[in-house]
Every structure is written in structure tokens, then in C-alpha cells.
C-alpha atoms as a PDB file:
ATOM      1  CA  MET A   1      -8.132   6.780  10.738  1.00  0.00           C
ATOM      2  CA  ASN A   2      -5.485   4.182  11.473  1.00  0.00           C
ATOM      3  CA  GLU A   3      -2.016   5.444  10.441  1.00  0.00           C
ATOM      4  CA  THR A   4      -1.297   2.213   8.529  1.00  0.00           C
ATOM      5  CA  TRP A   5      -4.344   2.873   6.331  1.00  0.00           C
ATOM      6  CA  ARG A   6      -2.723   5.778   4.574  1.00  0.00           C
ATOM      7  CA  LEU A   7      -2.331   4.811   0.980  1.00  0.00           C
ATOM      8  CA  PRO A   8       0.883   5.363  -0.923  1.00  0.00           C
ATOM      9  CA  ASP A   9       0.700   7.486  -4.066  1.00  0.00           C
ATOM     10  CA  LEU A  10      -0.918   5.038  -6.488  1.00  0.00           C
ATOM     11  CA  HIS A  11      -1.120   7.406  -9.465  1.00  0.00           C
ATOM     12  CA  ASP A  12      -0.378   5.426 -12.666  1.00  0.00           C
ATOM     13  CA  TRP A  13      -0.343   2.088 -10.820  1.00  0.00           C
ATOM     14  CA  GLU A  14      -2.367  -0.696 -12.432  1.00  0.00           C
ATOM     15  CA  ILE A  15      -5.038  -2.947 -10.975  1.00  0.00           C
ATOM     16  CA  SER A  16      -3.844  -6.427 -11.897  1.00  0.00           C
ATOM     17  CA  THR A  17      -6.317  -8.701 -10.062  1.00  0.00           C
ATOM     18  CA  ILE A  18      -9.432  -8.415  -7.932  1.00  0.00           C
ATOM     19  CA  HIS A  19     -10.791 -11.135  -5.659  1.00  0.00           C
ATOM     20  CA  VAL A  20     -14.237 -10.584  -4.148  1.00  0.00           C
ATOM     21  CA  ASP A  21     -15.705 -13.072  -1.656  1.00  0.00           C
ATOM     22  CA  PRO A  22     -19.220 -12.021  -0.604  1.00  0.00           C
ATOM     23  CA  TYR A  23     -19.496 -14.859   1.930  1.00  0.00           C
ATOM     24  CA  LEU A  24     -16.338 -13.893   3.822  1.00  0.00           C
ATOM     25  CA  ARG A  25     -17.010 -10.191   3.108  1.00  0.00           C
ATOM     26  CA  ILE A  26     -13.495  -9.561   1.758  1.00  0.00           C
ATOM     27  CA  VAL A  27     -12.011  -7.838  -1.283  1.00  0.00           C
ATOM     28  CA  ASP A  28      -8.360  -8.295  -2.291  1.00  0.00           C
ATOM     29  CA  LEU A  29      -6.862  -5.872  -4.811  1.00  0.00           C
ATOM     30  CA  SER A  30      -3.493  -6.635  -6.407  1.00  0.00           C
ATOM     31  CA  LEU A  31      -1.819  -3.473  -7.668  1.00  0.00           C
ATOM     32  CA  ARG A  32       1.458  -2.950  -9.475  1.00  0.00           C
ATOM     33  CA  ASP A  33       3.591  -0.063 -10.614  1.00  0.00           C
ATOM     34  CA  PRO A  34       4.703  -0.953 -14.146  1.00  0.00           C
ATOM     35  CA  ASN A  35       7.430   1.715 -14.111  1.00  0.00           C
ATOM     36  CA  GLN A  36       9.152   0.721 -10.859  1.00  0.00           C
ATOM     37  CA  GLY A  37       8.277  -2.980 -10.700  1.00  0.00           C
ATOM     38  CA  GLN A  38       6.706  -2.564  -7.250  1.00  0.00           C
ATOM     39  CA  ALA A  39       3.543  -4.395  -6.206  1.00  0.00           C
ATOM     40  CA  LEU A  40       1.175  -4.520  -3.262  1.00  0.00           C
ATOM     41  CA  ILE A  41      -2.049  -6.158  -2.128  1.00  0.00           C
ATOM     42  CA  CYS A  42      -4.869  -4.277  -0.417  1.00  0.00           C
ATOM     43  CA  HIS A  43      -6.907  -6.685   1.725  1.00  0.00           C
ATOM     44  CA  LEU A  44     -10.249  -5.190   2.733  1.00  0.00           C
ATOM     45  CA  SER A  45     -12.390  -7.051   5.261  1.00  0.00           C
ATOM     46  CA  GLY A  46     -15.743  -6.451   6.862  1.00  0.00           C
ATOM     47  CA  VAL A  47     -16.924  -5.344   3.423  1.00  0.00           C
ATOM     48  CA  LYS A  48     -20.491  -4.074   3.535  1.00  0.00           C
ATOM     49  CA  GLN A  49     -20.788  -2.986  -0.096  1.00  0.00           C
ATOM     50  CA  TYR A  50     -18.653  -3.067  -3.211  1.00  0.00           C
ATOM     51  CA  HIS A  51     -18.966  -1.358  -6.588  1.00  0.00           C
ATOM     52  CA  GLY A  52     -16.649  -2.065  -9.487  1.00  0.00           C
ATOM     53  CA  SER A  53     -17.287  -0.992 -13.055  1.00  0.00           C
ATOM     54  CA  GLY A  54     -15.485  -0.512 -16.332  1.00  0.00           C
ATOM     55  CA  MET A  55     -12.876  -3.285 -16.107  1.00  0.00           C
ATOM     56  CA  MET A  56     -10.613  -3.424 -19.155  1.00  0.00           C
ATOM     57  CA  LEU A  57      -7.394  -5.209 -20.090  1.00  0.00           C
ATOM     58  CA  GLN A  58      -5.489  -2.225 -18.699  1.00  0.00           C
ATOM     59  CA  ASN A  59      -6.804  -0.551 -15.537  1.00  0.00           C
ATOM     60  CA  VAL A  60      -4.747   2.492 -14.571  1.00  0.00           C
ATOM     61  CA  ILE A  61      -5.335   4.441 -11.354  1.00  0.00           C
ATOM     62  CA  LEU A  62      -5.700   8.223 -11.466  1.00  0.00           C
ATOM     63  CA  ASP A  63      -6.210   8.612  -7.708  1.00  0.00           C
ATOM     64  CA  ALA A  64      -6.979   6.463  -4.669  1.00  0.00           C
ATOM     65  CA  CYS A  65      -8.241   7.688  -1.307  1.00  0.00           C
ATOM     66  CA  ILE A  66      -9.966   6.535   1.855  1.00  0.00           C
ATOM     67  CA  PHE A  67     -12.910   8.424   3.309  1.00  0.00           C
ATOM     68  CA  SER A  68     -14.631   8.432   6.668  1.00  0.00           C
ATOM     69  CA  GLU A  69     -17.731  10.407   7.524  1.00  0.00           C
ATOM     70  CA  GLU A  70     -15.432  13.127   8.934  1.00  0.00           C
ATOM     71  CA  THR A  71     -13.865  13.800   5.510  1.00  0.00           C
ATOM     72  CA  PRO A  72     -16.715  15.340   3.519  1.00  0.00           C
ATOM     73  CA  SER A  73     -16.068  16.001  -0.159  1.00  0.00           C
ATOM     74  CA  ASP A  74     -17.731  15.814  -3.545  1.00  0.00           C
ATOM     75  CA  ASP A  75     -15.955  12.483  -4.155  1.00  0.00           C
ATOM     76  CA  LEU A  76     -17.311  11.082  -0.876  1.00  0.00           C
ATOM     77  CA  ASN A  77     -20.835  12.183  -1.820  1.00  0.00           C
ATOM     78  CA  TYR A  78     -20.398  10.522  -5.220  1.00  0.00           C
ATOM     79  CA  CYS A  79     -19.283   7.270  -3.552  1.00  0.00           C
ATOM     80  CA  LYS A  80     -22.177   7.254  -1.093  1.00  0.00           C
ATOM     81  CA  LYS A  81     -24.615   7.836  -3.954  1.00  0.00           C
ATOM     82  CA  LYS A  82     -23.095   4.947  -5.980  1.00  0.00           C
ATOM     83  CA  LEU A  83     -23.315   2.661  -2.933  1.00  0.00           C
ATOM     84  CA  GLY A  84     -26.831   3.825  -2.024  1.00  0.00           C
ATOM     85  CA  ILE A  85     -25.915   4.917   1.503  1.00  0.00           C
ATOM     86  CA  SER A  86     -26.418   8.245   3.256  1.00  0.00           C
ATOM     87  CA  VAL A  87     -24.031   7.933   6.219  1.00  0.00           C
ATOM     88  CA  ILE A  88     -20.831   5.966   6.846  1.00  0.00           C
ATOM     89  CA  ASP A  89     -20.912   3.939  10.074  1.00  0.00           C
ATOM     90  CA  ASN A  90     -18.383   5.034  12.721  1.00  0.00           C
ATOM     91  CA  ASP A  91     -16.360   1.824  12.341  1.00  0.00           C
ATOM     92  CA  CYS A  92     -16.315   1.922   8.515  1.00  0.00           C
ATOM     93  CA  PHE A  93     -14.529   3.652   5.649  1.00  0.00           C
ATOM     94  CA  ILE A  94     -14.847   3.980   1.891  1.00  0.00           C
ATOM     95  CA  LEU A  95     -11.999   3.218  -0.499  1.00  0.00           C
ATOM     96  CA  TYR A  96     -12.356   5.081  -3.791  1.00  0.00           C
ATOM     97  CA  ILE A  97     -10.140   4.236  -6.764  1.00  0.00           C
ATOM     98  CA  GLU A  98     -10.677   6.694  -9.596  1.00  0.00           C
ATOM     99  CA  PRO A  99      -9.447   5.428 -12.952  1.00  0.00           C
ATOM    100  CA  SER A 100      -7.385   7.120 -15.621  1.00  0.00           C
ATOM    101  CA  VAL A 101      -8.336   4.158 -17.792  1.00  0.00           C
ATOM    102  CA  GLY A 102     -10.545   1.201 -16.952  1.00  0.00           C
ATOM    103  CA  MET A 103     -12.015   0.172 -13.643  1.00  0.00           C
ATOM    104  CA  GLU A 104     -13.550   2.355 -10.965  1.00  0.00           C
ATOM    105  CA  ILE A 105     -13.695   0.778  -7.497  1.00  0.00           C
ATOM    106  CA  ILE A 106     -15.728   1.897  -4.487  1.00  0.00           C
ATOM    107  CA  CYS A 107     -15.598  -0.308  -1.391  1.00  0.00           C
ATOM    108  CA  TYR A 108     -17.388   0.245   1.946  1.00  0.00           C
ATOM    109  CA  PHE A 109     -15.350  -1.676   4.543  1.00  0.00           C
ATOM    110  CA  GLN A 110     -14.223  -1.983   8.168  1.00  0.00           C
ATOM    111  CA  THR A 111     -10.523  -2.913   8.038  1.00  0.00           C
ATOM    112  CA  LEU A 112      -7.665  -2.619   5.563  1.00  0.00           C
ATOM    113  CA  GLU A 113      -4.284  -4.344   5.436  1.00  0.00           C
ATOM    114  CA  ILE A 114      -1.658  -3.405   2.878  1.00  0.00           C
ATOM    115  CA  ASP A 115       1.043  -5.927   2.008  1.00  0.00           C
ATOM    116  CA  PHE A 116       3.974  -4.176   0.318  1.00  0.00           C
ATOM    117  CA  ASN A 117       6.103  -7.309   0.088  1.00  0.00           C
ATOM    118  CA  ASN A 118       4.527  -8.880  -2.982  1.00  0.00           C
ATOM    119  CA  PRO A 119       6.639  -9.186  -6.119  1.00  0.00           C
END
């Protein structure tokens, strides 16, 4: 996995906006830390599948992780089942955002860029 794809600790961060473009195959997630005032955008491209459910006015993250086929776990199996896939392609990954409150996100993608310089 690309070193820049390591996610910061997003526990208790909030999902503020989601932009999904099925024609360009991109998903942009705007996240913010209400305690520290920090924000970032996760730009996922080459999106093959996306699952989002449970959106509420407040969407707080319990945990966020990125899986490849080489990182087997119960969470990865859960994600693959939700997406209806059995194997992750070699050039793809799965982003899993588990909620404390609100929205669950599972995204099957090829590349990820994280922009930490958003207010």
C-alpha cells in the first residue's frame, strides 16, 4: 500500500460532506475534527463500487481503515459481502468508515489522495 494512503486517526471526526460522481468514478469525503478545528478531504478515484448508509445530521467516525486483499479480517469480509465481491483486484483497495453515529461508508477504489490543507 502506498505510504501516503495511511489514514490519520479519524476517531470522533465527523463526515461533513460527500460528493459521488458515478460518471467520473470519484468519491470526495470532507471530514472535520470538531474538537481541534482540523479538516481534510479524501479524494477517491477509480471507484468501482460505493456503499453508504445511515446518513444523519451528525455522522461521527468510530474507525476508518483501508484494506487490500493481503489484509484479511472480519471487517474486510463484511465489506466484501456488502459490496457483493469475493476478491479485491490487485490494483484496488477498500476504504471502510465505521460509524459511532450515522453513516457507514464502504468504497472499492484504485487511488486515494488526502488533502490536509482544507479549513
